[in-house]
Amino acid sequence: MTYDGQFLRSLTCCNDKIYAVNSDCFIGHVLIQVDIVPVKGKGGDVIIQLVMFGVCPYSESNRERHDLFIKGYDTELFCVNVYYLWKTKKIADVPLFRLDIGSIKSEELECLKKWDVSDKKWDIIEEVDFEELRDLGITLNMWEEMKDLKDGIFYADLGRDGSIYYNPTVGSELGGGGYIHIRDRMEEILHVYHVRDKTIIPSPMPSRVVSTTHVSMWEGTRLEDDDVEDKCTTTFKQ
């Protein structure tokens, strides 16, 4: 058991592999590849191997804390960071990053094979040497910060199961993309962040949104509040 009681979270599938986030490491959030290997001659038995895949990207923003989601789509892995203001705890910034898993060469990750995920004392800096930290830093350069989401949207749920939904072409279908929609932990406010303009506006959750899945909740939000994109054009500064 790790100190926050949650070793892996935000599991997602990308390029036929499973990835998850570990937040126990003292350096921040790290990306873990979850390999499920069948055991020969053991029927349906499998071995689950946890492989270090590098550091999750982050912003230099001076905030108290942040939540992080990862979401896979085809060969692309996305990382959504939700940053908060120090005093008010309001959402202040939502930087979005992308990693093309399909373009990574195996030799680029050779430096990470020395990391033993099962034994590493993630919260003790003395257990990690400078060379290991440098190797982790190399993986940060693989991520690209996105300046525009174009026709795509994300829907992230800070409450319930911390799920995230992604649609790359919703703009062409519903008249406007480029937004990250975030439901707060109290399930009362929907924060709408425009990736290109870096603006955010909070609005009450539509009363008819009563579904239990993030996909149907997003669809319900659109049905209830057809002018949500018009509201999003208003700049909200915190």
Protein backbone atom coordinates (compact mmCIF):
# COMPACT_ATOMS: atom_id res chain seq x y z
CA MET A 1 0.00 0.00 0.00
CA THR A 2 1.36 3.42 -0.94
CA TYR A 3 1.02 6.58 1.15
CA ASP A 4 -2.06 7.88 -0.67
CA GLY A 5 -3.61 4.40 -0.86
CA GLN A 6 -3.90 4.55 -4.63
CA PHE A 7 -0.99 3.21 -6.66
CA LEU A 8 -2.56 3.38 -10.13
CA ARG A 9 -5.40 5.52 -11.43
CA SER A 10 -6.75 7.05 -14.65
CA LEU A 11 -6.29 3.81 -16.61
CA THR A 12 -6.66 4.10 -20.38
CA CYS A 13 -5.92 2.12 -23.54
CA CYS A 14 -3.69 3.48 -26.30
CA ASN A 15 -2.07 1.73 -29.26
CA ASP A 16 -3.17 -1.68 -27.90
CA LYS A 17 -1.49 -1.04 -24.54
CA ILE A 18 -2.84 -0.05 -21.12
CA TYR A 19 -1.45 3.02 -19.35
CA ALA A 20 -2.06 4.51 -15.91
CA VAL A 21 -0.86 7.32 -13.65
CA ASN A 22 1.01 6.96 -10.37
CA SER A 23 1.03 10.00 -8.09
CA ASP A 24 3.11 8.56 -5.24
CA CYS A 25 6.49 9.53 -6.66
CA PHE A 26 8.09 12.59 -5.02
CA ILE A 27 8.81 14.10 -8.44
CA GLY A 28 5.14 14.21 -9.35
CA HIS A 29 2.92 12.13 -11.62
CA VAL A 30 4.57 9.32 -13.56
CA LEU A 31 3.22 7.26 -16.44
CA ILE A 32 3.06 3.48 -16.01
CA GLN A 33 2.54 0.92 -18.78
CA VAL A 34 0.46 -2.03 -17.59
CA ASP A 35 1.42 -5.23 -19.43
CA ILE A 36 -0.92 -8.22 -19.10
CA VAL A 37 0.97 -11.36 -20.09
CA PRO A 38 -0.79 -14.77 -20.40
CA VAL A 39 0.90 -17.63 -18.53
CA LYS A 40 1.59 -20.58 -20.82
CA GLY A 41 -0.16 -23.76 -19.77
CA LYS A 42 -2.13 -22.02 -17.01
CA GLY A 43 -5.46 -21.62 -18.74
CA GLY A 44 -6.66 -18.07 -18.19
CA ASP A 45 -3.92 -17.08 -15.72
CA VAL A 46 -2.01 -13.88 -16.45
CA ILE A 47 0.93 -11.95 -15.04
CA ILE A 48 0.50 -8.19 -14.65
CA GLN A 49 3.74 -6.27 -15.15
CA LEU A 50 4.12 -2.56 -14.32
CA VAL A 51 6.67 -0.79 -16.53
CA MET A 52 7.92 2.77 -16.02
CA PHE A 53 7.07 4.91 -19.07
CA GLY A 54 8.29 8.31 -17.93
CA VAL A 55 7.05 11.51 -16.33
CA CYS A 56 3.65 13.03 -17.07
CA PRO A 57 3.91 16.56 -18.49
CA TYR A 58 3.16 19.54 -16.29
CA SER A 59 2.90 23.32 -16.45
CA GLU A 60 5.24 25.75 -14.70
CA SER A 61 2.15 27.47 -13.34
CA ASN A 62 2.50 28.47 -9.67
CA ARG A 63 -0.53 26.68 -8.25
CA GLU A 64 -1.19 24.86 -4.99
CA ARG A 65 -2.10 21.54 -6.56
CA HIS A 66 -3.59 20.00 -9.66
CA ASP A 67 -5.56 17.01 -10.89
CA LEU A 68 -4.39 15.00 -13.85
CA PHE A 69 -6.17 12.79 -16.37
CA ILE A 70 -4.80 10.69 -19.22
CA LYS A 71 -6.84 9.50 -22.18
CA GLY A 72 -5.82 7.31 -25.10
CA TYR A 73 -7.21 7.56 -28.62
CA ASP A 74 -5.79 5.39 -31.41
CA THR A 75 -1.99 5.91 -31.12
CA GLU A 76 -2.23 9.23 -29.27
CA LEU A 77 -2.11 9.65 -25.51
CA PHE A 78 -3.52 12.88 -24.05
CA CYS A 79 -2.77 14.39 -20.65
CA VAL A 80 -5.18 16.95 -19.16
CA ASN A 81 -3.91 18.96 -16.17
CA VAL A 82 -6.38 20.89 -14.02
CA TYR A 83 -4.65 23.62 -11.95
CA TYR A 84 -6.21 25.56 -9.07
CA LEU A 85 -5.63 29.02 -7.58
CA TRP A 86 -3.86 29.11 -4.21
CA LYS A 87 -6.55 30.71 -2.05
CA THR A 88 -9.90 30.31 -3.78
CA LYS A 89 -9.33 26.75 -5.07
CA LYS A 90 -10.96 27.80 -8.33
CA ILE A 91 -9.79 26.22 -11.57
CA ALA A 92 -7.18 28.55 -13.07
CA ASP A 93 -5.56 26.71 -15.96
CA VAL A 94 -6.08 23.51 -17.95
CA PRO A 95 -2.99 22.77 -20.08
CA LEU A 96 -3.40 19.89 -22.52
CA PHE A 97 -0.55 17.69 -23.79
CA ARG A 98 -0.30 15.00 -26.46
CA LEU A 99 2.10 12.08 -26.94
CA ASP A 100 2.23 9.99 -30.12
CA ILE A 101 2.87 6.54 -28.68
CA GLY A 102 3.18 5.02 -32.16
CA SER A 103 6.21 7.18 -33.02
CA ILE A 104 8.29 6.25 -29.95
CA LYS A 105 11.21 3.94 -30.63
CA SER A 106 12.01 1.21 -28.12
CA GLU A 107 15.60 2.42 -27.68
CA GLU A 108 14.33 5.79 -26.48
CA LEU A 109 12.97 4.09 -23.36
CA GLU A 110 15.95 1.85 -22.65
CA CYS A 111 17.04 4.18 -19.86
CA LEU A 112 13.87 3.40 -17.91
CA LYS A 113 14.37 -0.36 -17.69
CA LYS A 114 16.46 0.03 -14.52
CA TRP A 115 13.41 1.36 -12.63
CA ASP A 116 11.76 -1.32 -10.49
CA VAL A 117 8.21 -0.06 -10.07
CA SER A 118 7.32 -2.68 -7.47
CA ASP A 119 10.18 -1.85 -5.08
CA LYS A 120 10.89 1.84 -5.66
CA LYS A 121 10.33 4.04 -2.60
CA TRP A 122 8.52 6.71 -4.55
CA ASP A 123 8.23 9.24 -1.72
CA ILE A 124 11.90 9.22 -0.63
CA ILE A 125 14.21 11.40 -2.73
CA GLU A 126 17.35 9.84 -1.25
CA GLU A 127 16.42 6.52 -2.91
CA VAL A 128 16.87 7.98 -6.42
CA ASP A 129 20.17 9.15 -7.89
CA PHE A 130 20.80 12.02 -10.30
CA GLU A 131 21.17 9.75 -13.33
CA GLU A 132 17.74 8.26 -12.75
CA LEU A 133 16.19 11.73 -12.49
CA ARG A 134 17.87 12.75 -15.73
CA ASP A 135 16.47 9.70 -17.49
CA LEU A 136 12.96 10.60 -16.35
CA GLY A 137 13.47 14.17 -17.55
CA ILE A 138 14.24 12.94 -21.06
CA THR A 139 10.73 11.55 -21.37
CA LEU A 140 9.21 15.00 -20.86
CA ASN A 141 10.51 16.07 -24.27
CA MET A 142 8.29 13.45 -25.93
CA TRP A 143 5.15 15.38 -24.97
CA GLU A 144 3.74 18.26 -27.03
CA GLU A 145 1.55 20.95 -25.47
CA MET A 146 -1.54 21.50 -27.58
CA LYS A 147 -2.45 25.10 -28.42
CA ASP A 148 -5.74 24.28 -30.15
CA LEU A 149 -8.16 21.37 -29.83
CA LYS A 150 -9.97 22.37 -33.06
CA ASP A 151 -13.11 20.22 -33.49
CA GLY A 152 -12.41 17.98 -30.50
CA ILE A 153 -13.73 18.10 -26.94
CA PHE A 154 -12.85 16.53 -23.59
CA TYR A 155 -15.26 15.90 -20.74
CA ALA A 156 -13.51 15.32 -17.37
CA ASP A 157 -15.30 14.40 -14.16
CA LEU A 158 -13.52 15.45 -10.95
CA GLY A 159 -16.13 13.62 -8.88
CA ARG A 160 -17.39 10.04 -8.87
CA ASP A 161 -14.85 7.85 -10.68
CA GLY A 162 -12.63 10.62 -12.07
CA SER A 163 -13.44 9.54 -15.62
CA ILE A 164 -12.64 11.38 -18.85
CA TYR A 165 -14.24 11.25 -22.30
CA TYR A 166 -12.79 12.42 -25.63
CA ASN A 167 -14.39 13.05 -29.01
CA PRO A 168 -12.06 14.35 -31.77
CA THR A 169 -14.80 15.50 -34.16
CA VAL A 170 -17.67 16.79 -32.05
CA GLY A 171 -17.23 20.30 -33.47
CA SER A 172 -18.29 19.29 -36.96
CA GLU A 173 -21.29 17.43 -35.53
CA LEU A 174 -22.58 19.93 -32.96
CA GLY A 175 -21.33 23.26 -34.20
CA GLY A 176 -18.25 23.92 -32.11
CA GLY A 177 -15.25 22.14 -30.60
CA GLY A 178 -12.02 23.14 -28.92
CA TYR A 179 -13.25 22.88 -25.33
CA ILE A 180 -12.42 20.91 -22.18
CA HIS A 181 -15.53 20.47 -20.03
CA ILE A 182 -14.89 19.77 -16.35
CA ARG A 183 -17.52 18.75 -13.81
CA ASP A 184 -16.58 19.69 -10.24
CA ARG A 185 -16.49 17.30 -7.29
CA MET A 186 -19.80 18.56 -5.93
CA GLU A 187 -21.42 17.76 -9.29
CA GLU A 188 -22.92 21.25 -9.40
CA ILE A 189 -20.67 23.27 -11.72
CA LEU A 190 -19.54 22.61 -15.28
CA HIS A 191 -16.31 24.50 -16.06
CA VAL A 192 -15.81 25.10 -19.78
CA TYR A 193 -12.22 25.78 -20.87
CA HIS A 194 -11.29 26.94 -24.37
CA VAL A 195 -7.88 25.50 -25.25
CA ARG A 196 -6.89 28.06 -27.90
CA ASP A 197 -8.07 31.19 -26.05
CA LYS A 198 -7.20 29.87 -22.57
CA THR A 199 -10.48 31.17 -21.18
CA ILE A 200 -12.71 29.43 -18.68
CA ILE A 201 -16.28 29.98 -17.58
CA PRO A 202 -18.23 28.11 -14.89
CA SER A 203 -21.93 27.43 -15.32
CA PRO A 204 -24.52 25.44 -13.31
CA MET A 205 -24.97 21.82 -14.29
CA PRO A 206 -28.17 21.32 -16.31
CA SER A 207 -30.93 19.89 -14.12
CA ARG A 208 -31.65 17.04 -16.50
CA VAL A 209 -28.12 15.62 -16.28
CA VAL A 210 -28.78 12.60 -14.11
CA SER A 211 -26.90 9.87 -16.00
CA THR A 212 -24.20 7.80 -14.35
CA THR A 213 -21.70 7.72 -17.21
CA HIS A 214 -19.59 10.57 -18.52
CA VAL A 215 -20.58 9.89 -22.13
CA SER A 216 -24.32 10.10 -21.52
CA MET A 217 -23.81 13.05 -19.15
CA TRP A 218 -22.07 14.96 -21.93
CA GLU A 219 -24.87 14.13 -24.36
CA GLY A 220 -27.44 15.16 -21.75
CA THR A 221 -25.65 18.46 -21.21
CA ARG A 222 -25.79 19.24 -24.90
CA LEU A 223 -29.51 18.42 -25.09
CA GLU A 224 -30.34 20.54 -22.05
CA ASP A 225 -28.15 23.52 -22.86
CA ASP A 226 -27.94 24.03 -26.63
CA ASP A 227 -26.33 27.45 -26.31
CA VAL A 228 -23.35 26.26 -24.23
CA GLU A 229 -20.93 27.20 -27.02
CA ASP A 230 -22.28 30.77 -27.03
CA LYS A 231 -21.65 31.01 -23.29
CA CYS A 232 -18.12 29.77 -23.78
CA THR A 233 -17.15 32.78 -25.86
CA THR A 234 -17.20 34.94 -22.71
CA THR A 235 -13.78 35.41 -21.15
CA PHE A 236 -13.70 34.60 -17.45
CA LYS A 237 -10.60 35.86 -15.61
CA GLN A 238 -9.76 34.69 -12.10
